[in-house]
């Protein structure tokens, strides 16, 4: 494992600072996609729970 020097951290800090807007947009898009996936999963769960309820009513 390589050890990072303070100058490496400074370089990363400058890179993040100069690309901050792009990084923020990328993170926001990632959270947006995650939220969409969670919504889809919730819909699937609700649909399956409805199916189970229907089966239980028939018993």
PDB file of N, CA and C in Angstrom:
ATOM      1  N   UNK A   1       0.844  -1.170   0.000  1.00  0.00           N
ATOM      2  CA  UNK A   1       0.000   0.000   0.000  1.00  0.00           C
ATOM      3  C   UNK A   1       0.894   1.240   0.000  1.00  0.00           C
ATOM      4  N   UNK A   2       0.587   2.167  -0.901  1.00  0.00           N
ATOM      5  CA  UNK A   2       1.386   3.390  -0.982  1.00  0.00           C
ATOM      6  C   UNK A   2       0.972   4.375   0.097  1.00  0.00           C
ATOM      7  N   UNK A   3       1.948   5.016   0.644  1.00  0.00           N
ATOM      8  CA  UNK A   3       1.685   6.049   1.641  1.00  0.00           C
ATOM      9  C   UNK A   3       1.519   7.384   0.909  1.00  0.00           C
ATOM     10  N   UNK A   4       0.494   8.127   1.278  1.00  0.00           N
ATOM     11  CA  UNK A   4       0.259   9.426   0.664  1.00  0.00           C
ATOM     12  C   UNK A   4       1.000  10.511   1.437  1.00  0.00           C
ATOM     13  N   UNK A   5       1.648  11.367   0.703  1.00  0.00           N
ATOM     14  CA  UNK A   5       2.355  12.504   1.295  1.00  0.00           C
ATOM     15  C   UNK A   5       1.398  13.690   1.401  1.00  0.00           C
ATOM     16  N   UNK A   6       1.734  14.668   2.234  1.00  0.00           N
ATOM     17  CA  UNK A   6       0.902  15.868   2.323  1.00  0.00           C
ATOM     18  C   UNK A   6       0.721  16.549   0.965  1.00  0.00           C
ATOM     19  N   UNK A   7       1.737  16.512   0.120  1.00  0.00           N
ATOM     20  CA  UNK A   7       1.608  17.150  -1.201  1.00  0.00           C
ATOM     21  C   UNK A   7       0.566  16.421  -2.051  1.00  0.00           C
ATOM     22  N   UNK A   8       0.417  15.095  -1.837  1.00  0.00           N
ATOM     23  CA  UNK A   8      -0.614  14.344  -2.548  1.00  0.00           C
ATOM     24  C   UNK A   8      -2.004  14.804  -2.123  1.00  0.00           C
ATOM     25  N   UNK A   9      -2.167  14.991  -0.815  1.00  0.00           N
ATOM     26  CA  UNK A   9      -3.446  15.472  -0.312  1.00  0.00           C
ATOM     27  C   UNK A   9      -3.743  16.878  -0.824  1.00  0.00           C
ATOM     28  N   UNK A  10      -2.738  17.713  -0.895  1.00  0.00           N
ATOM     29  CA  UNK A  10      -2.927  19.071  -1.407  1.00  0.00           C
ATOM     30  C   UNK A  10      -3.334  19.041  -2.865  1.00  0.00           C
ATOM     31  N   UNK A  11      -2.738  18.161  -3.636  1.00  0.00           N
ATOM     32  CA  UNK A  11      -3.096  18.035  -5.052  1.00  0.00           C
ATOM     33  C   UNK A  11      -4.538  17.563  -5.192  1.00  0.00           C
ATOM     34  N   UNK A  12      -4.922  16.587  -4.383  1.00  0.00           N
ATOM     35  CA  UNK A  12      -6.309  16.112  -4.413  1.00  0.00           C
ATOM     36  C   UNK A  12      -7.274  17.218  -3.996  1.00  0.00           C
ATOM     37  N   UNK A  13      -6.898  17.963  -2.994  1.00  0.00           N
ATOM     38  CA  UNK A  13      -7.736  19.067  -2.533  1.00  0.00           C
ATOM     39  C   UNK A  13      -7.928  20.109  -3.633  1.00  0.00           C
ATOM     40  N   UNK A  14      -6.849  20.451  -4.333  1.00  0.00           N
ATOM     41  CA  UNK A  14      -6.960  21.419  -5.438  1.00  0.00           C
ATOM     42  C   UNK A  14      -7.844  20.868  -6.555  1.00  0.00           C
ATOM     43  N   UNK A  15      -7.692  19.590  -6.859  1.00  0.00           N
ATOM     44  CA  UNK A  15      -8.486  18.963  -7.913  1.00  0.00           C
ATOM     45  C   UNK A  15      -9.962  18.983  -7.547  1.00  0.00           C
ATOM     46  N   UNK A  16     -10.269  18.606  -6.307  1.00  0.00           N
ATOM     47  CA  UNK A  16     -11.662  18.590  -5.860  1.00  0.00           C
ATOM     48  C   UNK A  16     -12.225  20.008  -5.846  1.00  0.00           C
ATOM     49  N   UNK A  17     -11.420  20.967  -5.393  1.00  0.00           N
ATOM     50  CA  UNK A  17     -11.882  22.354  -5.342  1.00  0.00           C
ATOM     51  C   UNK A  17     -12.168  22.874  -6.747  1.00  0.00           C
ATOM     52  N   UNK A  18     -11.304  22.559  -7.699  1.00  0.00           N
ATOM     53  CA  UNK A  18     -11.490  23.069  -9.063  1.00  0.00           C
ATOM     54  C   UNK A  18     -12.621  22.348  -9.787  1.00  0.00           C
ATOM     55  N   UNK A  19     -12.923  21.134  -9.368  1.00  0.00           N
ATOM     56  CA  UNK A  19     -13.984  20.349 -10.014  1.00  0.00           C
ATOM     57  C   UNK A  19     -15.193  20.199  -9.100  1.00  0.00           C
ATOM     58  N   UNK A  20     -15.284  21.039  -8.102  1.00  0.00           N
ATOM     59  CA  UNK A  20     -16.342  20.900  -7.102  1.00  0.00           C
ATOM     60  C   UNK A  20     -17.736  20.858  -7.672  1.00  0.00           C
ATOM     61  N   UNK A  21     -18.027  21.738  -8.637  1.00  0.00           N
ATOM     62  CA  UNK A  21     -19.366  21.760  -9.220  1.00  0.00           C
ATOM     63  C   UNK A  21     -19.665  20.455  -9.952  1.00  0.00           C
ATOM     64  N   UNK A  22     -18.688  19.967 -10.705  1.00  0.00           N
ATOM     65  CA  UNK A  22     -18.887  18.711 -11.429  1.00  0.00           C
ATOM     66  C   UNK A  22     -19.100  17.550 -10.461  1.00  0.00           C
ATOM     67  N   UNK A  23     -18.335  17.543  -9.390  1.00  0.00           N
ATOM     68  CA  UNK A  23     -18.473  16.481  -8.389  1.00  0.00           C
ATOM     69  C   UNK A  23     -19.840  16.568  -7.725  1.00  0.00           C
ATOM     70  N   UNK A  24     -20.282  17.761  -7.386  1.00  0.00           N
ATOM     71  CA  UNK A  24     -21.591  17.942  -6.754  1.00  0.00           C
ATOM     72  C   UNK A  24     -22.709  17.469  -7.676  1.00  0.00           C
ATOM     73  N   UNK A  25     -22.602  17.789  -8.954  1.00  0.00           N
ATOM     74  CA  UNK A  25     -23.614  17.353  -9.923  1.00  0.00           C
ATOM     75  C   UNK A  25     -23.617  15.833 -10.038  1.00  0.00           C
ATOM     76  N   UNK A  26     -22.440  15.228 -10.085  1.00  0.00           N
ATOM     77  CA  UNK A  26     -22.350  13.771 -10.187  1.00  0.00           C
ATOM     78  C   UNK A  26     -22.966  13.101  -8.963  1.00  0.00           C
ATOM     79  N   UNK A  27     -22.698  13.643  -7.789  1.00  0.00           N
ATOM     80  CA  UNK A  27     -23.268  13.082  -6.559  1.00  0.00           C
ATOM     81  C   UNK A  27     -24.784  13.250  -6.566  1.00  0.00           C
ATOM     82  N   UNK A  28     -25.256  14.411  -6.961  1.00  0.00           N
ATOM     83  CA  UNK A  28     -26.709  14.651  -7.015  1.00  0.00           C
ATOM     84  C   UNK A  28     -27.385  13.688  -7.988  1.00  0.00           C
ATOM     85  N   UNK A  29     -26.766  13.450  -9.130  1.00  0.00           N
ATOM     86  CA  UNK A  29     -27.337  12.512 -10.100  1.00  0.00           C
ATOM     87  C   UNK A  29     -27.350  11.099  -9.528  1.00  0.00           C
ATOM     88  N   UNK A  30     -26.289  10.734  -8.825  1.00  0.00           N
ATOM     89  CA  UNK A  30     -26.236   9.405  -8.216  1.00  0.00           C
ATOM     90  C   UNK A  30     -27.357   9.232  -7.199  1.00  0.00           C
ATOM     91  N   UNK A  31     -27.580  10.257  -6.372  1.00  0.00           N
ATOM     92  CA  UNK A  31     -28.666  10.177  -5.402  1.00  0.00           C
ATOM     93  C   UNK A  31     -30.020  10.141  -6.111  1.00  0.00           C
ATOM     94  N   UNK A  32     -30.134  10.855  -7.217  1.00  0.00           N
ATOM     95  CA  UNK A  32     -31.377  10.822  -7.988  1.00  0.00           C
ATOM     96  C   UNK A  32     -31.659   9.430  -8.527  1.00  0.00           C
ATOM     97  N   UNK A  33     -30.620   8.784  -9.072  1.00  0.00           N
ATOM     98  CA  UNK A  33     -30.796   7.419  -9.570  1.00  0.00           C
ATOM     99  C   UNK A  33     -31.128   6.464  -8.437  1.00  0.00           C
ATOM    100  N   UNK A  34     -30.478   6.643  -7.298  1.00  0.00           N
ATOM    101  CA  UNK A  34     -30.754   5.799  -6.140  1.00  0.00           C
ATOM    102  C   UNK A  34     -32.202   5.965  -5.688  1.00  0.00           C
ATOM    103  N   UNK A  35     -32.673   7.195  -5.665  1.00  0.00           N
ATOM    104  CA  UNK A  35     -34.052   7.460  -5.274  1.00  0.00           C
ATOM    105  C   UNK A  35     -35.025   6.793  -6.242  1.00  0.00           C
ATOM    106  N   UNK A  36     -34.728   6.849  -7.533  1.00  0.00           N
ATOM    107  CA  UNK A  36     -35.573   6.180  -8.527  1.00  0.00           C
ATOM    108  C   UNK A  36     -35.623   4.684  -8.293  1.00  0.00           C
ATOM    109  N   UNK A  37     -34.478   4.093  -8.006  1.00  0.00           N
ATOM    110  CA  UNK A  37     -34.431   2.648  -7.746  1.00  0.00           C
ATOM    111  C   UNK A  37     -35.222   2.278  -6.496  1.00  0.00           C
ATOM    112  N   UNK A  38     -35.113   3.095  -5.461  1.00  0.00           N
ATOM    113  CA  UNK A  38     -35.860   2.834  -4.232  1.00  0.00           C
ATOM    114  C   UNK A  38     -37.359   2.918  -4.513  1.00  0.00           C
ATOM    115  N   UNK A  39     -37.771   3.910  -5.291  1.00  0.00           N
ATOM    116  CA  UNK A  39     -39.194   4.041  -5.645  1.00  0.00           C
ATOM    117  C   UNK A  39     -39.687   2.809  -6.399  1.00  0.00           C
ATOM    118  N   UNK A  40     -38.884   2.313  -7.330  1.00  0.00           N
ATOM    119  CA  UNK A  40     -39.254   1.119  -8.095  1.00  0.00           C
ATOM    120  C   UNK A  40     -39.373  -0.090  -7.166  1.00  0.00           C
ATOM    121  N   UNK A  41     -38.409  -0.227  -6.250  1.00  0.00           N
ATOM    122  CA  UNK A  41     -38.457  -1.354  -5.307  1.00  0.00           C
ATOM    123  C   UNK A  41     -39.682  -1.263  -4.411  1.00  0.00           C
ATOM    124  N   UNK A  42     -40.023  -0.060  -3.957  1.00  0.00           N
ATOM    125  CA  UNK A  42     -41.204   0.107  -3.112  1.00  0.00           C
ATOM    126  C   UNK A  42     -42.464  -0.283  -3.871  1.00  0.00           C
ATOM    127  N   UNK A  43     -42.538   0.088  -5.135  1.00  0.00           N
ATOM    128  CA  UNK A  43     -43.694  -0.271  -5.953  1.00  0.00           C
ATOM    129  C   UNK A  43     -43.805  -1.774  -6.101  1.00  0.00           C
ATOM    130  N   UNK A  44     -42.688  -2.430  -6.337  1.00  0.00           N
ATOM    131  CA  UNK A  44     -42.693  -3.888  -6.464  1.00  0.00           C
ATOM    132  C   UNK A  44     -43.138  -4.553  -5.161  1.00  0.00           C
ATOM    133  N   UNK A  45     -42.640  -4.050  -4.053  1.00  0.00           N
ATOM    134  CA  UNK A  45     -43.023  -4.613  -2.753  1.00  0.00           C
ATOM    135  C   UNK A  45     -44.517  -4.435  -2.527  1.00  0.00           C
ATOM    136  N   UNK A  46     -45.033  -3.254  -2.822  1.00  0.00           N
ATOM    137  CA  UNK A  46     -46.462  -3.008  -2.638  1.00  0.00           C
ATOM    138  C   UNK A  46     -47.289  -3.933  -3.519  1.00  0.00           C
ATOM    139  N   UNK A  47     -46.860  -4.135  -4.762  1.00  0.00           N
ATOM    140  CA  UNK A  47     -47.581  -5.022  -5.672  1.00  0.00           C
ATOM    141  C   UNK A  47     -47.568  -6.454  -5.147  1.00  0.00           C
ATOM    142  N   UNK A  48     -46.439  -6.901  -4.676  1.00  0.00           N
ATOM    143  CA  UNK A  48     -46.354  -8.272  -4.162  1.00  0.00           C
ATOM    144  C   UNK A  48     -47.145  -8.439  -2.872  1.00  0.00           C
ATOM    145  N   UNK A  49     -47.138  -7.415  -2.019  1.00  0.00           N
ATOM    146  CA  UNK A  49     -47.956  -7.477  -0.808  1.00  0.00           C
ATOM    147  C   UNK A  49     -49.437  -7.567  -1.168  1.00  0.00           C
ATOM    148  N   UNK A  50     -49.831  -6.849  -2.199  1.00  0.00           N
ATOM    149  CA  UNK A  50     -51.214  -6.926  -2.671  1.00  0.00           C
ATOM    150  C   UNK A  50     -51.550  -8.325  -3.150  1.00  0.00           C
ATOM    151  N   UNK A  51     -50.626  -8.951  -3.857  1.00  0.00           N
ATOM    152  CA  UNK A  51     -50.837 -10.322  -4.318  1.00  0.00           C
ATOM    153  C   UNK A  51     -50.975 -11.277  -3.138  1.00  0.00           C
ATOM    154  N   UNK A  52     -50.129 -11.116  -2.129  1.00  0.00           N
ATOM    155  CA  UNK A  52     -50.193 -11.968  -0.941  1.00  0.00           C
ATOM    156  C   UNK A  52     -51.525 -11.766  -0.220  1.00  0.00           C
ATOM    157  N   UNK A  53     -51.965 -10.517  -0.107  1.00  0.00           N
ATOM    158  CA  UNK A  53     -53.248 -10.240   0.544  1.00  0.00           C
ATOM    159  C   UNK A  53     -54.381 -10.938  -0.200  1.00  0.00           C
ATOM    160  N   UNK A  54     -54.344 -10.920  -1.511  1.00  0.00           N
ATOM    161  CA  UNK A  54     -55.381 -11.576  -2.302  1.00  0.00           C
ATOM    162  C   UNK A  54     -55.376 -13.083  -2.070  1.00  0.00           C
ATOM    163  N   UNK A  55     -54.192 -13.672  -2.000  1.00  0.00           N
ATOM    164  CA  UNK A  55     -54.094 -15.110  -1.754  1.00  0.00           C
ATOM    165  C   UNK A  55     -54.607 -15.454  -0.370  1.00  0.00           C
ATOM    166  N   UNK A  56     -54.261 -14.645   0.619  1.00  0.00           N
ATOM    167  CA  UNK A  56     -54.698 -14.894   1.995  1.00  0.00           C
ATOM    168  C   UNK A  56     -56.226 -14.789   2.080  1.00  0.00           C
ATOM    169  N   UNK A  57     -56.825 -13.863   1.380  1.00  0.00           N
ATOM    170  CA  UNK A  57     -58.298 -13.700   1.390  1.00  0.00           C
ATOM    171  C   UNK A  57     -58.981 -14.925   0.792  1.00  0.00           C
ATOM    172  N   UNK A  58     -58.338 -15.549  -0.203  1.00  0.00           N
ATOM    173  CA  UNK A  58     -58.926 -16.729  -0.823  1.00  0.00           C
ATOM    174  C   UNK A  58     -58.870 -17.945   0.088  1.00  0.00           C
ATOM    175  N   UNK A  59     -57.930 -17.949   1.029  1.00  0.00           N
ATOM    176  CA  UNK A  59     -57.815 -19.074   1.944  1.00  0.00           C
ATOM    177  C   UNK A  59     -58.850 -18.937   3.000  1.00  0.00           C
TER     178      UNK A  59
END
